[in-house]
Amino acid sequence: MGGMADRENTKRITLTSKNVGIIFIAAVVFFRIFIWADISSKQIGSYPAQRLADGTVITLNRTIYKVNPLVQTVIYWMPDFDEPPRSLVNCTVRDKKNWVGSYYDGLGTVEMRKGRIVSDDPNFIYVGRLHWWLLHFEIVKK
Protein backbone atom coordinates (compact mmCIF):
# COMPACT_ATOMS: atom_id res chain seq x y z
CA MET A 1 0.00 0.00 0.00
CA GLY A 2 2.76 2.43 0.90
CA GLY A 3 4.38 1.75 -2.48
CA MET A 4 1.31 2.94 -4.39
CA ALA A 5 1.13 6.21 -2.40
CA ASP A 6 4.84 6.80 -2.95
CA ARG A 7 4.39 6.40 -6.72
CA GLU A 8 1.46 8.87 -6.67
CA ASN A 9 3.58 11.45 -4.79
CA THR A 10 6.49 10.91 -7.17
CA LYS A 11 4.20 11.55 -10.16
CA ARG A 12 2.87 14.75 -8.57
CA ILE A 13 6.39 16.00 -7.85
CA THR A 14 7.51 15.17 -11.39
CA LEU A 15 4.49 16.92 -12.94
CA THR A 16 4.95 19.93 -10.69
CA SER A 17 8.66 20.26 -11.55
CA LYS A 18 7.82 20.00 -15.27
CA ASN A 19 5.21 22.75 -14.88
CA VAL A 20 7.68 24.96 -13.03
CA GLY A 21 10.22 24.41 -15.81
CA ILE A 22 7.71 25.32 -18.51
CA ILE A 23 6.58 28.41 -16.59
CA PHE A 24 10.20 29.47 -16.07
CA ILE A 25 11.03 29.07 -19.77
CA ALA A 26 7.88 31.00 -20.76
CA ALA A 27 8.82 33.80 -18.33
CA VAL A 28 12.35 34.00 -19.76
CA VAL A 29 11.04 34.14 -23.34
CA PHE A 30 8.48 36.82 -22.40
CA PHE A 31 11.18 38.88 -20.64
CA ARG A 32 13.56 38.58 -23.61
CA ILE A 33 10.96 39.56 -26.22
CA PHE A 34 8.98 42.28 -24.44
CA ILE A 35 11.29 43.77 -21.83
CA TRP A 36 14.98 43.17 -22.55
CA ALA A 37 14.70 44.34 -26.17
CA ASP A 38 13.53 47.76 -24.96
CA ILE A 39 16.17 48.03 -22.24
CA SER A 40 19.26 46.91 -24.16
CA SER A 41 18.75 48.38 -27.61
CA LYS A 42 19.07 51.84 -29.10
CA GLN A 43 16.05 50.92 -31.22
CA ILE A 44 12.49 51.68 -30.30
CA GLY A 45 9.34 50.79 -32.17
CA SER A 46 6.16 52.71 -32.69
CA TYR A 47 3.00 50.70 -33.00
CA PRO A 48 0.27 52.84 -34.59
CA ALA A 49 -3.41 51.99 -34.77
CA GLN A 50 -6.53 53.75 -35.96
CA ARG A 51 -9.81 53.95 -34.06
CA LEU A 52 -12.76 53.46 -36.42
CA ALA A 53 -16.22 55.03 -36.05
CA ASP A 54 -17.66 51.81 -34.56
CA GLY A 55 -15.01 51.79 -31.82
CA THR A 56 -12.86 48.98 -33.18
CA VAL A 57 -9.15 49.53 -33.57
CA ILE A 58 -7.07 48.38 -36.55
CA THR A 59 -3.30 48.23 -36.72
CA LEU A 60 -1.28 50.38 -39.07
CA ASN A 61 2.30 49.83 -40.24
CA ARG A 62 4.80 49.69 -37.40
CA THR A 63 7.99 51.72 -37.61
CA ILE A 64 11.33 51.05 -35.95
CA TYR A 65 13.56 53.98 -34.97
CA LYS A 66 17.28 53.63 -34.29
CA VAL A 67 18.23 56.54 -32.06
CA ASN A 68 21.75 57.84 -31.40
CA PRO A 69 21.85 60.66 -28.82
CA LEU A 70 25.62 61.19 -29.20
CA VAL A 71 25.37 62.36 -32.81
CA GLN A 72 21.70 63.49 -32.62
CA THR A 73 20.44 61.13 -35.34
CA VAL A 74 17.29 59.06 -35.82
CA ILE A 75 17.11 56.40 -38.54
CA TYR A 76 13.74 54.80 -39.26
CA TRP A 77 12.30 51.95 -41.30
CA MET A 78 9.13 49.90 -41.62
CA PRO A 79 9.96 46.20 -41.25
CA ASP A 80 6.97 45.10 -43.33
CA PHE A 81 8.13 47.07 -46.40
CA ASP A 82 11.09 46.44 -48.65
CA GLU A 83 12.45 49.99 -48.45
CA PRO A 84 15.85 51.14 -47.25
CA PRO A 85 16.13 52.87 -43.86
CA ARG A 86 15.95 56.66 -43.93
CA SER A 87 17.18 59.36 -41.60
CA LEU A 88 15.22 62.12 -39.98
CA VAL A 89 16.87 65.55 -40.29
CA ASN A 90 17.28 68.41 -37.80
CA CYS A 91 16.97 65.99 -34.89
CA THR A 92 17.06 66.88 -31.24
CA VAL A 93 17.66 63.72 -29.23
CA ARG A 94 17.66 63.51 -25.44
CA ASP A 95 17.51 59.71 -25.29
CA LYS A 96 15.87 56.87 -27.22
CA LYS A 97 12.43 57.65 -25.76
CA ASN A 98 12.51 61.46 -26.10
CA TRP A 99 13.40 63.05 -29.43
CA VAL A 100 12.06 65.05 -32.37
CA GLY A 101 13.08 65.13 -36.04
CA SER A 102 11.81 66.12 -39.48
CA TYR A 103 11.28 63.97 -42.53
CA TYR A 104 13.96 64.51 -45.18
CA ASP A 105 11.34 65.69 -47.73
CA GLY A 106 10.02 68.38 -45.35
CA LEU A 107 6.49 66.91 -45.15
CA GLY A 108 6.35 66.89 -41.38
CA THR A 109 7.99 66.12 -38.10
CA VAL A 110 7.99 63.12 -35.80
CA GLU A 111 8.16 63.53 -32.04
CA MET A 112 8.52 60.86 -29.41
CA ARG A 113 7.85 61.65 -25.74
CA LYS A 114 8.24 59.07 -23.00
CA GLY A 115 8.46 56.29 -25.59
CA ARG A 116 5.28 57.22 -27.47
CA ILE A 117 4.92 59.05 -30.77
CA VAL A 118 2.95 62.28 -30.37
CA SER A 119 -0.14 62.55 -32.57
CA ASP A 120 -2.64 65.40 -33.01
CA ASP A 121 -5.36 63.13 -34.42
CA PRO A 122 -7.42 61.45 -31.64
CA ASN A 123 -8.35 58.57 -33.99
CA PHE A 124 -4.68 57.88 -34.74
CA ILE A 125 -3.28 56.25 -31.61
CA TYR A 126 -0.11 54.47 -30.56
CA VAL A 127 -0.36 51.33 -28.48
CA GLY A 128 2.18 49.10 -26.78
CA ARG A 129 3.92 46.33 -28.68
CA LEU A 130 1.97 43.47 -27.07
CA HIS A 131 -1.37 45.26 -27.60
CA TRP A 132 -0.45 45.98 -31.23
CA TRP A 133 0.28 42.29 -31.91
CA LEU A 134 -2.95 41.24 -30.18
CA LEU A 135 -4.84 43.69 -32.41
CA HIS A 136 -2.87 42.62 -35.49
CA PHE A 137 -3.83 38.96 -35.03
CA GLU A 138 -7.40 40.02 -34.11
CA ILE A 139 -7.21 38.49 -30.64
CA VAL A 140 -8.61 41.74 -29.22
CA LYS A 141 -10.69 44.38 -31.03
CA LYS A 142 -10.12 47.47 -28.86
C-alpha atoms as a PDB file:
ATOM      1  CA  MET A   1       0.000   0.000   0.000  1.00  0.00           C
ATOM      2  CA  GLY A   2       2.764   2.429   0.900  1.00  0.00           C
ATOM      3  CA  GLY A   3       4.383   1.747  -2.482  1.00  0.00           C
ATOM      4  CA  MET A   4       1.314   2.938  -4.386  1.00  0.00           C
ATOM      5  CA  ALA A   5       1.129   6.206  -2.400  1.00  0.00           C
ATOM      6  CA  ASP A   6       4.839   6.801  -2.948  1.00  0.00           C
ATOM      7  CA  ARG A   7       4.391   6.402  -6.721  1.00  0.00           C
ATOM      8  CA  GLU A   8       1.463   8.870  -6.665  1.00  0.00           C
ATOM      9  CA  ASN A   9       3.576  11.452  -4.793  1.00  0.00           C
ATOM     10  CA  THR A  10       6.488  10.914  -7.167  1.00  0.00           C
ATOM     11  CA  LYS A  11       4.196  11.551 -10.164  1.00  0.00           C
ATOM     12  CA  ARG A  12       2.869  14.746  -8.575  1.00  0.00           C
ATOM     13  CA  ILE A  13       6.387  15.997  -7.848  1.00  0.00           C
ATOM     14  CA  THR A  14       7.510  15.174 -11.392  1.00  0.00           C
ATOM     15  CA  LEU A  15       4.490  16.916 -12.942  1.00  0.00           C
ATOM     16  CA  THR A  16       4.955  19.931 -10.689  1.00  0.00           C
ATOM     17  CA  SER A  17       8.660  20.260 -11.551  1.00  0.00           C
ATOM     18  CA  LYS A  18       7.820  19.997 -15.271  1.00  0.00           C
ATOM     19  CA  ASN A  19       5.206  22.748 -14.881  1.00  0.00           C
ATOM     20  CA  VAL A  20       7.685  24.963 -13.031  1.00  0.00           C
ATOM     21  CA  GLY A  21      10.218  24.410 -15.808  1.00  0.00           C
ATOM     22  CA  ILE A  22       7.708  25.319 -18.508  1.00  0.00           C
ATOM     23  CA  ILE A  23       6.579  28.412 -16.589  1.00  0.00           C
ATOM     24  CA  PHE A  24      10.204  29.468 -16.074  1.00  0.00           C
ATOM     25  CA  ILE A  25      11.026  29.071 -19.770  1.00  0.00           C
ATOM     26  CA  ALA A  26       7.881  31.003 -20.755  1.00  0.00           C
ATOM     27  CA  ALA A  27       8.816  33.801 -18.330  1.00  0.00           C
ATOM     28  CA  VAL A  28      12.354  34.000 -19.757  1.00  0.00           C
ATOM     29  CA  VAL A  29      11.043  34.140 -23.336  1.00  0.00           C
ATOM     30  CA  PHE A  30       8.484  36.817 -22.401  1.00  0.00           C
ATOM     31  CA  PHE A  31      11.183  38.883 -20.637  1.00  0.00           C
ATOM     32  CA  ARG A  32      13.558  38.576 -23.611  1.00  0.00           C
ATOM     33  CA  ILE A  33      10.958  39.560 -26.220  1.00  0.00           C
ATOM     34  CA  PHE A  34       8.983  42.277 -24.444  1.00  0.00           C
ATOM     35  CA  ILE A  35      11.287  43.769 -21.833  1.00  0.00           C
ATOM     36  CA  TRP A  36      14.984  43.175 -22.546  1.00  0.00           C
ATOM     37  CA  ALA A  37      14.699  44.337 -26.168  1.00  0.00           C
ATOM     38  CA  ASP A  38      13.528  47.762 -24.962  1.00  0.00           C
ATOM     39  CA  ILE A  39      16.171  48.031 -22.243  1.00  0.00           C
ATOM     40  CA  SER A  40      19.260  46.914 -24.157  1.00  0.00           C
ATOM     41  CA  SER A  41      18.754  48.376 -27.613  1.00  0.00           C
ATOM     42  CA  LYS A  42      19.065  51.840 -29.105  1.00  0.00           C
ATOM     43  CA  GLN A  43      16.052  50.924 -31.219  1.00  0.00           C
ATOM     44  CA  ILE A  44      12.488  51.683 -30.298  1.00  0.00           C
ATOM     45  CA  GLY A  45       9.338  50.793 -32.173  1.00  0.00           C
ATOM     46  CA  SER A  46       6.160  52.707 -32.694  1.00  0.00           C
ATOM     47  CA  TYR A  47       2.998  50.701 -32.998  1.00  0.00           C
ATOM     48  CA  PRO A  48       0.270  52.836 -34.587  1.00  0.00           C
ATOM     49  CA  ALA A  49      -3.407  51.994 -34.775  1.00  0.00           C
ATOM     50  CA  GLN A  50      -6.530  53.751 -35.960  1.00  0.00           C
ATOM     51  CA  ARG A  51      -9.805  53.947 -34.062  1.00  0.00           C
ATOM     52  CA  LEU A  52     -12.756  53.464 -36.417  1.00  0.00           C
ATOM     53  CA  ALA A  53     -16.221  55.029 -36.048  1.00  0.00           C
ATOM     54  CA  ASP A  54     -17.660  51.809 -34.562  1.00  0.00           C
ATOM     55  CA  GLY A  55     -15.010  51.787 -31.823  1.00  0.00           C
ATOM     56  CA  THR A  56     -12.863  48.975 -33.181  1.00  0.00           C
ATOM     57  CA  VAL A  57      -9.154  49.533 -33.569  1.00  0.00           C
ATOM     58  CA  ILE A  58      -7.074  48.378 -36.545  1.00  0.00           C
ATOM     59  CA  THR A  59      -3.297  48.232 -36.718  1.00  0.00           C
ATOM     60  CA  LEU A  60      -1.278  50.381 -39.074  1.00  0.00           C
ATOM     61  CA  ASN A  61       2.304  49.832 -40.238  1.00  0.00           C
ATOM     62  CA  ARG A  62       4.804  49.687 -37.398  1.00  0.00           C
ATOM     63  CA  THR A  63       7.988  51.718 -37.605  1.00  0.00           C
ATOM     64  CA  ILE A  64      11.330  51.050 -35.949  1.00  0.00           C
ATOM     65  CA  TYR A  65      13.563  53.981 -34.968  1.00  0.00           C
ATOM     66  CA  LYS A  66      17.285  53.631 -34.287  1.00  0.00           C
ATOM     67  CA  VAL A  67      18.234  56.538 -32.059  1.00  0.00           C
ATOM     68  CA  ASN A  68      21.753  57.844 -31.403  1.00  0.00           C
ATOM     69  CA  PRO A  69      21.853  60.658 -28.822  1.00  0.00           C
ATOM     70  CA  LEU A  70      25.617  61.193 -29.202  1.00  0.00           C
ATOM     71  CA  VAL A  71      25.369  62.364 -32.806  1.00  0.00           C
ATOM     72  CA  GLN A  72      21.704  63.486 -32.620  1.00  0.00           C
ATOM     73  CA  THR A  73      20.440  61.127 -35.335  1.00  0.00           C
ATOM     74  CA  VAL A  74      17.292  59.058 -35.816  1.00  0.00           C
ATOM     75  CA  ILE A  75      17.110  56.402 -38.541  1.00  0.00           C
ATOM     76  CA  TYR A  76      13.743  54.800 -39.260  1.00  0.00           C
ATOM     77  CA  TRP A  77      12.302  51.954 -41.303  1.00  0.00           C
ATOM     78  CA  MET A  78       9.133  49.899 -41.625  1.00  0.00           C
ATOM     79  CA  PRO A  79       9.960  46.202 -41.249  1.00  0.00           C
ATOM     80  CA  ASP A  80       6.967  45.096 -43.334  1.00  0.00           C
ATOM     81  CA  PHE A  81       8.129  47.066 -46.399  1.00  0.00           C
ATOM     82  CA  ASP A  82      11.090  46.441 -48.649  1.00  0.00           C
ATOM     83  CA  GLU A  83      12.452  49.987 -48.445  1.00  0.00           C
ATOM     84  CA  PRO A  84      15.854  51.141 -47.253  1.00  0.00           C
ATOM     85  CA  PRO A  85      16.130  52.868 -43.864  1.00  0.00           C
ATOM     86  CA  ARG A  86      15.950  56.662 -43.932  1.00  0.00           C
ATOM     87  CA  SER A  87      17.176  59.360 -41.599  1.00  0.00           C
ATOM     88  CA  LEU A  88      15.218  62.122 -39.978  1.00  0.00           C
ATOM     89  CA  VAL A  89      16.868  65.546 -40.286  1.00  0.00           C
ATOM     90  CA  ASN A  90      17.277  68.408 -37.801  1.00  0.00           C
ATOM     91  CA  CYS A  91      16.967  65.986 -34.893  1.00  0.00           C
ATOM     92  CA  THR A  92      17.059  66.880 -31.238  1.00  0.00           C
ATOM     93  CA  VAL A  93      17.661  63.725 -29.233  1.00  0.00           C
ATOM     94  CA  ARG A  94      17.658  63.508 -25.440  1.00  0.00           C
ATOM     95  CA  ASP A  95      17.506  59.708 -25.289  1.00  0.00           C
ATOM     96  CA  LYS A  96      15.871  56.869 -27.218  1.00  0.00           C
ATOM     97  CA  LYS A  97      12.431  57.645 -25.758  1.00  0.00           C
ATOM     98  CA  ASN A  98      12.515  61.457 -26.097  1.00  0.00           C
ATOM     99  CA  TRP A  99      13.399  63.054 -29.425  1.00  0.00           C
ATOM    100  CA  VAL A 100      12.064  65.053 -32.365  1.00  0.00           C
ATOM    101  CA  GLY A 101      13.076  65.132 -36.042  1.00  0.00           C
ATOM    102  CA  SER A 102      11.806  66.120 -39.477  1.00  0.00           C
ATOM    103  CA  TYR A 103      11.285  63.974 -42.534  1.00  0.00           C
ATOM    104  CA  TYR A 104      13.956  64.512 -45.183  1.00  0.00           C
ATOM    105  CA  ASP A 105      11.337  65.691 -47.727  1.00  0.00           C
ATOM    106  CA  GLY A 106      10.019  68.380 -45.354  1.00  0.00           C
ATOM    107  CA  LEU A 107       6.494  66.905 -45.149  1.00  0.00           C
ATOM    108  CA  GLY A 108       6.346  66.892 -41.379  1.00  0.00           C
ATOM    109  CA  THR A 109       7.987  66.121 -38.099  1.00  0.00           C
ATOM    110  CA  VAL A 110       7.990  63.117 -35.805  1.00  0.00           C
ATOM    111  CA  GLU A 111       8.157  63.527 -32.041  1.00  0.00           C
ATOM    112  CA  MET A 112       8.525  60.860 -29.415  1.00  0.00           C
ATOM    113  CA  ARG A 113       7.851  61.652 -25.744  1.00  0.00           C
ATOM    114  CA  LYS A 114       8.242  59.070 -23.001  1.00  0.00           C
ATOM    115  CA  GLY A 115       8.464  56.295 -25.591  1.00  0.00           C
ATOM    116  CA  ARG A 116       5.276  57.219 -27.469  1.00  0.00           C
ATOM    117  CA  ILE A 117       4.923  59.047 -30.772  1.00  0.00           C
ATOM    118  CA  VAL A 118       2.947  62.279 -30.367  1.00  0.00           C
ATOM    119  CA  SER A 119      -0.142  62.553 -32.575  1.00  0.00           C
ATOM    120  CA  ASP A 120      -2.640  65.395 -33.006  1.00  0.00           C
ATOM    121  CA  ASP A 121      -5.360  63.133 -34.416  1.00  0.00           C
ATOM    122  CA  PRO A 122      -7.419  61.449 -31.644  1.00  0.00           C
ATOM    123  CA  ASN A 123      -8.351  58.568 -33.987  1.00  0.00           C
ATOM    124  CA  PHE A 124      -4.681  57.881 -34.739  1.00  0.00           C
ATOM    125  CA  ILE A 125      -3.278  56.248 -31.615  1.00  0.00           C
ATOM    126  CA  TYR A 126      -0.111  54.470 -30.560  1.00  0.00           C
ATOM    127  CA  VAL A 127      -0.358  51.326 -28.477  1.00  0.00           C
ATOM    128  CA  GLY A 128       2.181  49.096 -26.784  1.00  0.00           C
ATOM    129  CA  ARG A 129       3.924  46.327 -28.675  1.00  0.00           C
ATOM    130  CA  LEU A 130       1.967  43.474 -27.070  1.00  0.00           C
ATOM    131  CA  HIS A 131      -1.370  45.265 -27.600  1.00  0.00           C
ATOM    132  CA  TRP A 132      -0.453  45.984 -31.235  1.00  0.00           C
ATOM    133  CA  TRP A 133       0.282  42.294 -31.912  1.00  0.00           C
ATOM    134  CA  LEU A 134      -2.954  41.238 -30.182  1.00  0.00           C
ATOM    135  CA  LEU A 135      -4.845  43.692 -32.414  1.00  0.00           C
ATOM    136  CA  HIS A 136      -2.871  42.620 -35.486  1.00  0.00           C
ATOM    137  CA  PHE A 137      -3.833  38.955 -35.031  1.00  0.00           C
ATOM    138  CA  GLU A 138      -7.396  40.021 -34.105  1.00  0.00           C
ATOM    139  CA  ILE A 139      -7.209  38.485 -30.638  1.00  0.00           C
ATOM    140  CA  VAL A 140      -8.610  41.740 -29.224  1.00  0.00           C
ATOM    141  CA  LYS A 141     -10.694  44.378 -31.027  1.00  0.00           C
ATOM    142  CA  LYS A 142     -10.119  47.471 -28.860  1.00  0.00           C
END
